[in-house]
Amino acid sequence: MCGIFAYLNYNVNRERRHILQVLFNGLRRLEYRGYDSAGISIDDDYFLSSPQSSSNDSLSPPPIVFRQEGNIESLVKSVYQEVAATELNLEKSFTTHAGIAHTRWATHGKPAPRNSHPQTSGSGNDFLVVHNGVITNYEVLKETLFRHGFTFESETDTEVIPKLAKFVFDKANEEDTEVIPKLAKFVFDKANEEGDQTVTFSQVVLEVMRHLEGAYALIFKSRHYPNELIACKRGSPLLLGVKENDDVCNGSAFHDAKFLLQNSNPKELFLSSDANAIVEHTKKVLVIEDGELESD
């Protein structure tokens, strides 16, 4: 069974080395579920102080993706080898950073890096997704995306999800609104209803969810929305852990997810398909309900 883990530090300085260790340890705590490959995604060497979305890709280089067949330690070894080869700075500090990680048990496609998660929307890593579950209508979605010029590298059902997100984002941001297809028109119309032509990450993901059938838990990461993660689920477990000052995160306030996510207090957020990967960091855990969407 696949395992999902994500870590977001918000207004808390953390070095890349620490971020990697948190992601790797999260995956280690999911090992007992069984898996055949693993992967993570972190940010490249750039700093963007604001977590607000931006359509200017020069501000946000593509996230870095590492995927490896085999056990967690094989992934860890390969990551540090690649880091050394590229001279990626492990001591670089991020005030806010969103990282995602995944262990995969093959359902569609043999164990291989190309079939591991995070799955990507394409070479630019515009949208990345980690997924637990099965998308039952992925063949129909894949055929539709083929017709719109997308190519596929994996044998997974998951790959249609980030590609669909990119399709929705790209079409909803086109200036010629007459050519916006039905798949993206809902997002464009919703943004205009709210008096803002900037398409939000949540709007993109909600539109993607409208077209997915099956059971799933998903976490999205995007270069268009740096320092943000979107989590959603339908029929698969997904939990949110929050590590924050006790004077803020207490009593009824803790059970108000919107309050926790919108206040600017320094916090560390942990998303996982299993509480076992969160409890070492915090005992304050919220269960994400079906159809609910959390923007971190």
Protein backbone atom coordinates (compact mmCIF):
# COMPACT_ATOMS: atom_id res chain seq x y z
CA MET A 1 0.00 0.00 0.00
CA CYS A 2 1.40 3.40 -0.95
CA GLY A 3 2.53 5.84 1.72
CA ILE A 4 2.32 9.64 1.61
CA PHE A 5 4.31 12.12 3.66
CA ALA A 6 4.82 15.88 3.35
CA TYR A 7 6.54 18.52 5.45
CA LEU A 8 6.02 22.29 5.32
CA ASN A 9 7.88 24.71 7.58
CA TYR A 10 6.16 28.10 7.70
CA ASN A 11 7.99 31.12 9.16
CA VAL A 12 10.44 28.66 10.72
CA ASN A 13 14.04 28.63 9.46
CA ARG A 14 15.10 25.15 8.44
CA GLU A 15 18.18 24.07 6.51
CA ARG A 16 17.80 21.85 3.47
CA ARG A 17 19.68 19.09 5.32
CA HIS A 18 17.05 19.14 8.08
CA ILE A 19 14.20 19.16 5.55
CA LEU A 20 15.66 16.09 3.83
CA GLN A 21 16.04 14.28 7.15
CA VAL A 22 12.41 14.95 8.09
CA LEU A 23 11.22 13.63 4.71
CA PHE A 24 13.42 10.53 4.88
CA ASN A 25 12.35 9.75 8.46
CA GLY A 26 8.71 10.15 7.46
CA LEU A 27 9.23 7.53 4.75
CA ARG A 28 11.05 5.21 7.15
CA ARG A 29 8.03 5.27 9.44
CA LEU A 30 5.87 4.13 6.51
CA GLU A 31 8.12 1.21 5.54
CA TYR A 32 6.05 -1.37 7.43
CA ARG A 33 3.20 -0.84 4.96
CA GLY A 34 5.25 -2.44 2.19
CA TYR A 35 6.64 -0.74 -0.91
CA ASP A 36 8.92 -1.27 -3.91
CA SER A 37 10.15 2.26 -4.64
CA ALA A 38 10.24 5.74 -3.14
CA GLY A 39 10.71 9.38 -4.04
CA ILE A 40 10.80 12.94 -2.74
CA SER A 41 10.65 16.50 -4.07
CA ILE A 42 12.30 19.60 -2.59
CA ASP A 43 12.97 23.13 -3.84
CA ASP A 44 15.99 24.25 -5.80
CA ASP A 45 18.33 27.03 -4.65
CA TYR A 46 16.09 30.04 -4.70
CA PHE A 47 14.42 32.16 -2.08
CA LEU A 48 10.91 33.54 -2.35
CA SER A 49 9.78 35.25 0.83
CA SER A 50 6.10 35.26 -0.01
CA PRO A 51 4.05 32.06 -0.35
CA GLN A 52 1.68 33.78 -2.74
CA SER A 53 1.16 32.31 -6.18
CA SER A 54 3.05 33.67 -9.13
CA SER A 55 2.79 33.11 -12.86
CA ASN A 56 6.33 34.39 -13.30
CA ASP A 57 8.35 31.19 -13.58
CA SER A 58 11.63 33.12 -13.29
CA LEU A 59 10.84 33.47 -9.57
CA SER A 60 10.38 29.76 -9.01
CA PRO A 61 12.63 27.24 -10.76
CA PRO A 62 11.27 23.71 -11.13
CA PRO A 63 11.25 21.66 -7.93
CA ILE A 64 13.87 18.90 -7.75
CA VAL A 65 12.53 15.35 -7.93
CA PHE A 66 14.38 12.24 -6.71
CA ARG A 67 12.94 8.78 -7.41
CA GLN A 68 14.47 5.38 -6.81
CA GLU A 69 13.48 1.73 -7.07
CA GLY A 70 14.14 -0.31 -3.94
CA ASN A 71 14.25 0.56 -0.25
CA ILE A 72 14.37 3.92 1.50
CA GLU A 73 18.10 3.73 2.09
CA SER A 74 18.65 3.31 -1.65
CA LEU A 75 16.75 6.55 -2.17
CA VAL A 76 18.71 8.31 0.60
CA LYS A 77 22.02 7.20 -0.90
CA SER A 78 21.06 8.29 -4.41
CA VAL A 79 19.83 11.68 -3.18
CA TYR A 80 23.06 12.51 -1.36
CA GLN A 81 25.10 11.29 -4.34
CA GLU A 82 23.17 13.58 -6.66
CA VAL A 83 23.38 16.47 -4.20
CA ALA A 84 27.17 16.06 -4.08
CA ALA A 85 27.41 15.88 -7.87
CA THR A 86 25.37 19.05 -8.37
CA GLU A 87 26.83 20.89 -5.36
CA LEU A 88 23.35 21.61 -4.04
CA ASN A 89 23.76 23.54 -0.79
CA LEU A 90 22.53 21.43 2.14
CA GLU A 91 23.12 24.31 4.56
CA LYS A 92 20.83 26.69 2.69
CA SER A 93 18.08 27.89 5.03
CA PHE A 94 14.43 28.27 4.03
CA THR A 95 11.99 30.35 6.06
CA THR A 96 9.16 28.54 4.28
CA HIS A 97 9.55 25.34 2.28
CA ALA A 98 7.19 22.60 1.09
CA GLY A 99 8.56 19.08 0.54
CA ILE A 100 6.70 15.90 -0.43
CA ALA A 101 7.62 12.22 -0.21
CA HIS A 102 6.16 8.84 -1.16
CA THR A 103 6.58 5.08 -0.90
CA ARG A 104 4.96 3.12 -3.74
CA TRP A 105 3.53 -0.38 -3.97
CA ALA A 106 3.16 -1.10 -7.69
CA THR A 107 -0.40 -1.33 -8.99
CA HIS A 108 0.05 0.19 -12.45
CA GLY A 109 3.49 -0.42 -13.93
CA LYS A 110 6.50 -2.33 -12.65
CA PRO A 111 8.82 -0.98 -9.95
CA ALA A 112 11.00 1.63 -11.67
CA PRO A 113 11.99 5.28 -11.12
CA ARG A 114 9.67 6.43 -13.94
CA ASN A 115 6.72 4.78 -12.17
CA SER A 116 7.65 6.10 -8.73
CA HIS A 117 6.17 9.20 -7.14
CA PRO A 118 6.11 12.17 -7.18
CA GLN A 119 4.57 11.96 -10.63
CA THR A 120 5.03 15.09 -12.72
CA SER A 121 3.16 17.17 -15.29
CA GLY A 122 6.21 17.18 -17.57
CA SER A 123 9.85 18.15 -17.89
CA GLY A 124 9.32 21.51 -16.16
CA ASN A 125 7.78 19.90 -13.05
CA ASP A 126 5.04 22.55 -13.12
CA PHE A 127 2.82 20.29 -11.00
CA LEU A 128 3.81 17.32 -8.86
CA VAL A 129 1.58 14.78 -7.14
CA VAL A 130 1.98 11.99 -4.60
CA HIS A 131 -0.95 9.60 -4.56
CA ASN A 132 -2.37 6.77 -2.50
CA GLY A 133 -5.25 4.87 -4.11
CA VAL A 134 -6.47 4.07 -7.62
CA ILE A 135 -7.92 6.37 -10.31
CA THR A 136 -10.46 4.18 -12.07
CA ASN A 137 -11.09 6.52 -15.02
CA TYR A 138 -7.43 7.28 -15.74
CA GLU A 139 -7.55 5.71 -19.22
CA VAL A 140 -10.31 8.12 -20.32
CA LEU A 141 -8.42 11.09 -18.87
CA LYS A 142 -5.21 9.89 -20.49
CA GLU A 143 -6.84 9.73 -23.92
CA THR A 144 -8.19 13.26 -23.47
CA LEU A 145 -4.78 14.60 -22.48
CA PHE A 146 -3.17 12.77 -25.42
CA ARG A 147 -5.48 14.65 -27.75
CA HIS A 148 -4.29 17.92 -26.20
CA GLY A 149 -0.66 17.13 -26.88
CA PHE A 150 0.50 15.57 -23.61
CA THR A 151 2.96 12.68 -23.63
CA PHE A 152 3.34 10.13 -20.85
CA GLU A 153 6.51 8.64 -19.39
CA SER A 154 5.09 6.23 -16.80
CA GLU A 155 2.67 3.33 -16.76
CA THR A 156 0.84 4.68 -13.72
CA ASP A 157 -2.71 5.90 -13.25
CA THR A 158 -1.28 8.76 -11.16
CA GLU A 159 0.46 10.58 -14.01
CA VAL A 160 -2.84 11.85 -15.41
CA ILE A 161 -3.36 13.92 -12.24
CA PRO A 162 -0.44 16.41 -12.47
CA LYS A 163 -0.88 16.60 -16.24
CA LEU A 164 -4.56 17.40 -15.80
CA ALA A 165 -3.59 20.09 -13.27
CA LYS A 166 -1.19 21.65 -15.77
CA PHE A 167 -3.82 21.51 -18.50
CA VAL A 168 -6.38 23.24 -16.28
CA PHE A 169 -3.88 25.87 -15.13
CA ASP A 170 -2.60 26.64 -18.62
CA LYS A 171 -6.04 26.89 -20.21
CA ALA A 172 -7.55 28.90 -17.37
CA ASN A 173 -4.75 31.45 -17.76
CA GLU A 174 -5.08 31.84 -21.52
CA GLU A 175 -6.04 35.32 -22.66
CA ASP A 176 -8.42 34.01 -25.34
CA THR A 177 -11.32 32.89 -23.15
CA GLU A 178 -13.26 31.68 -26.17
CA VAL A 179 -11.01 28.64 -26.50
CA ILE A 180 -11.11 27.57 -22.83
CA PRO A 181 -12.37 23.95 -22.84
CA LYS A 182 -14.90 22.59 -20.38
CA LEU A 183 -12.12 21.03 -18.29
CA ALA A 184 -10.82 24.49 -17.37
CA LYS A 185 -13.83 26.78 -17.83
CA PHE A 186 -15.12 26.11 -14.29
CA VAL A 187 -11.85 27.40 -12.80
CA PHE A 188 -11.84 30.51 -14.99
CA ASP A 189 -15.48 31.31 -14.20
CA LYS A 190 -14.96 30.75 -10.46
CA ALA A 191 -12.01 33.15 -10.37
CA ASN A 192 -14.06 35.82 -12.14
CA GLU A 193 -17.02 35.30 -9.77
CA GLU A 194 -14.69 36.10 -6.89
CA GLY A 195 -13.53 39.28 -8.64
CA ASP A 196 -9.99 38.05 -9.23
CA GLN A 197 -8.69 36.74 -12.51
CA THR A 198 -5.74 35.08 -10.78
CA VAL A 199 -6.42 31.36 -10.68
CA THR A 200 -5.58 29.94 -7.25
CA PHE A 201 -3.96 26.61 -6.47
CA SER A 202 -7.12 25.48 -4.67
CA GLN A 203 -9.27 26.26 -7.70
CA VAL A 204 -7.00 24.20 -9.96
CA VAL A 205 -7.08 21.22 -7.60
CA LEU A 206 -10.85 21.41 -7.09
CA GLU A 207 -11.31 21.26 -10.85
CA VAL A 208 -8.98 18.27 -11.09
CA MET A 209 -10.92 16.50 -8.32
CA ARG A 210 -14.18 17.00 -10.22
CA HIS A 211 -12.85 14.76 -12.99
CA LEU A 212 -11.26 11.99 -10.90
CA GLU A 213 -13.07 8.74 -10.16
CA GLY A 214 -11.92 6.14 -7.66
CA ALA A 215 -10.36 6.26 -4.20
CA TYR A 216 -7.42 8.54 -3.54
CA ALA A 217 -5.42 10.69 -1.19
CA LEU A 218 -3.38 13.37 -2.96
CA ILE A 219 -0.83 16.05 -2.18
CA PHE A 220 -0.02 18.62 -4.88
CA LYS A 221 3.11 20.78 -5.20
CA SER A 222 3.64 23.36 -7.95
CA ARG A 223 6.31 25.79 -9.16
CA HIS A 224 3.46 28.20 -9.96
CA TYR A 225 2.47 28.27 -6.27
CA PRO A 226 5.78 28.18 -4.36
CA ASN A 227 5.72 27.34 -0.66
CA GLU A 228 2.21 25.86 -0.92
CA LEU A 229 0.84 22.33 -0.72
CA ILE A 230 -2.70 21.23 -1.46
CA ALA A 231 -4.04 18.04 0.14
CA CYS A 232 -7.31 16.28 -0.64
CA LYS A 233 -8.83 12.82 -0.37
CA ARG A 234 -11.71 10.57 -1.27
CA GLY A 235 -11.89 7.14 0.36
CA SER A 236 -8.19 6.98 1.37
CA PRO A 237 -6.72 8.14 4.69
CA LEU A 238 -4.93 11.48 5.00
CA LEU A 239 -3.96 13.30 8.19
CA LEU A 240 -2.64 16.77 9.02
CA GLY A 241 -0.32 17.29 11.98
CA VAL A 242 0.43 20.78 13.30
CA LYS A 243 3.36 21.78 15.49
CA GLU A 244 2.76 25.29 16.82
CA ASN A 245 2.98 27.34 20.04
CA ASP A 246 0.70 25.90 22.72
CA ASP A 247 -0.87 29.26 23.46
CA VAL A 248 -2.21 29.38 19.89
CA CYS A 249 -2.85 25.73 19.17
CA ASN A 250 -5.17 24.70 21.98
CA GLY A 251 -8.74 23.73 22.76
CA SER A 252 -11.34 24.39 20.10
CA ALA A 253 -8.92 26.48 18.06
CA PHE A 254 -6.92 23.38 17.17
CA HIS A 255 -9.97 21.76 15.61
CA ASP A 256 -10.47 24.73 13.30
CA ALA A 257 -8.19 23.82 10.39
CA LYS A 258 -8.73 27.14 8.60
CA PHE A 259 -7.65 29.06 11.71
CA LEU A 260 -4.52 26.96 12.03
CA LEU A 261 -3.53 27.32 8.39
CA GLN A 262 -4.35 30.98 7.90
CA ASN A 263 -2.73 32.56 10.97
CA SER A 264 0.86 33.67 10.44
CA ASN A 265 2.34 32.09 13.57
CA PRO A 266 5.49 30.03 12.96
CA LYS A 267 4.47 26.42 12.50
CA GLU A 268 5.50 23.11 11.03
CA LEU A 269 2.90 21.09 9.15
CA PHE A 270 3.00 17.36 8.48
CA LEU A 271 0.72 15.50 6.08
CA SER A 272 0.63 11.73 5.95
CA SER A 273 -1.48 8.74 5.04
CA ASP A 274 -0.50 7.22 8.40
CA ALA A 275 -0.33 8.76 11.89
CA ASN A 276 2.84 6.76 12.54
CA ALA A 277 4.80 9.25 10.43
CA ILE A 278 3.43 12.28 12.32
CA VAL A 279 3.45 11.33 16.01
CA GLU A 280 7.20 11.86 16.44
CA HIS A 281 6.65 15.53 15.58
CA THR A 282 3.28 16.37 17.17
CA LYS A 283 0.26 14.79 18.81
CA LYS A 284 -2.02 17.49 17.40
CA VAL A 285 -3.52 15.74 14.39
CA LEU A 286 -6.56 16.54 12.24
CA VAL A 287 -8.28 13.97 10.02
CA ILE A 288 -8.95 15.33 6.54
CA GLU A 289 -12.45 14.35 5.47
CA ASP A 290 -13.56 13.14 2.03
CA GLY A 291 -14.02 16.04 -0.37
CA GLU A 292 -12.25 18.43 2.01
CA LEU A 293 -9.33 20.39 0.61
CA GLU A 294 -6.50 21.71 2.78
CA SER A 295 -4.19 24.42 1.51
CA ASP A 296 -0.94 24.65 3.46
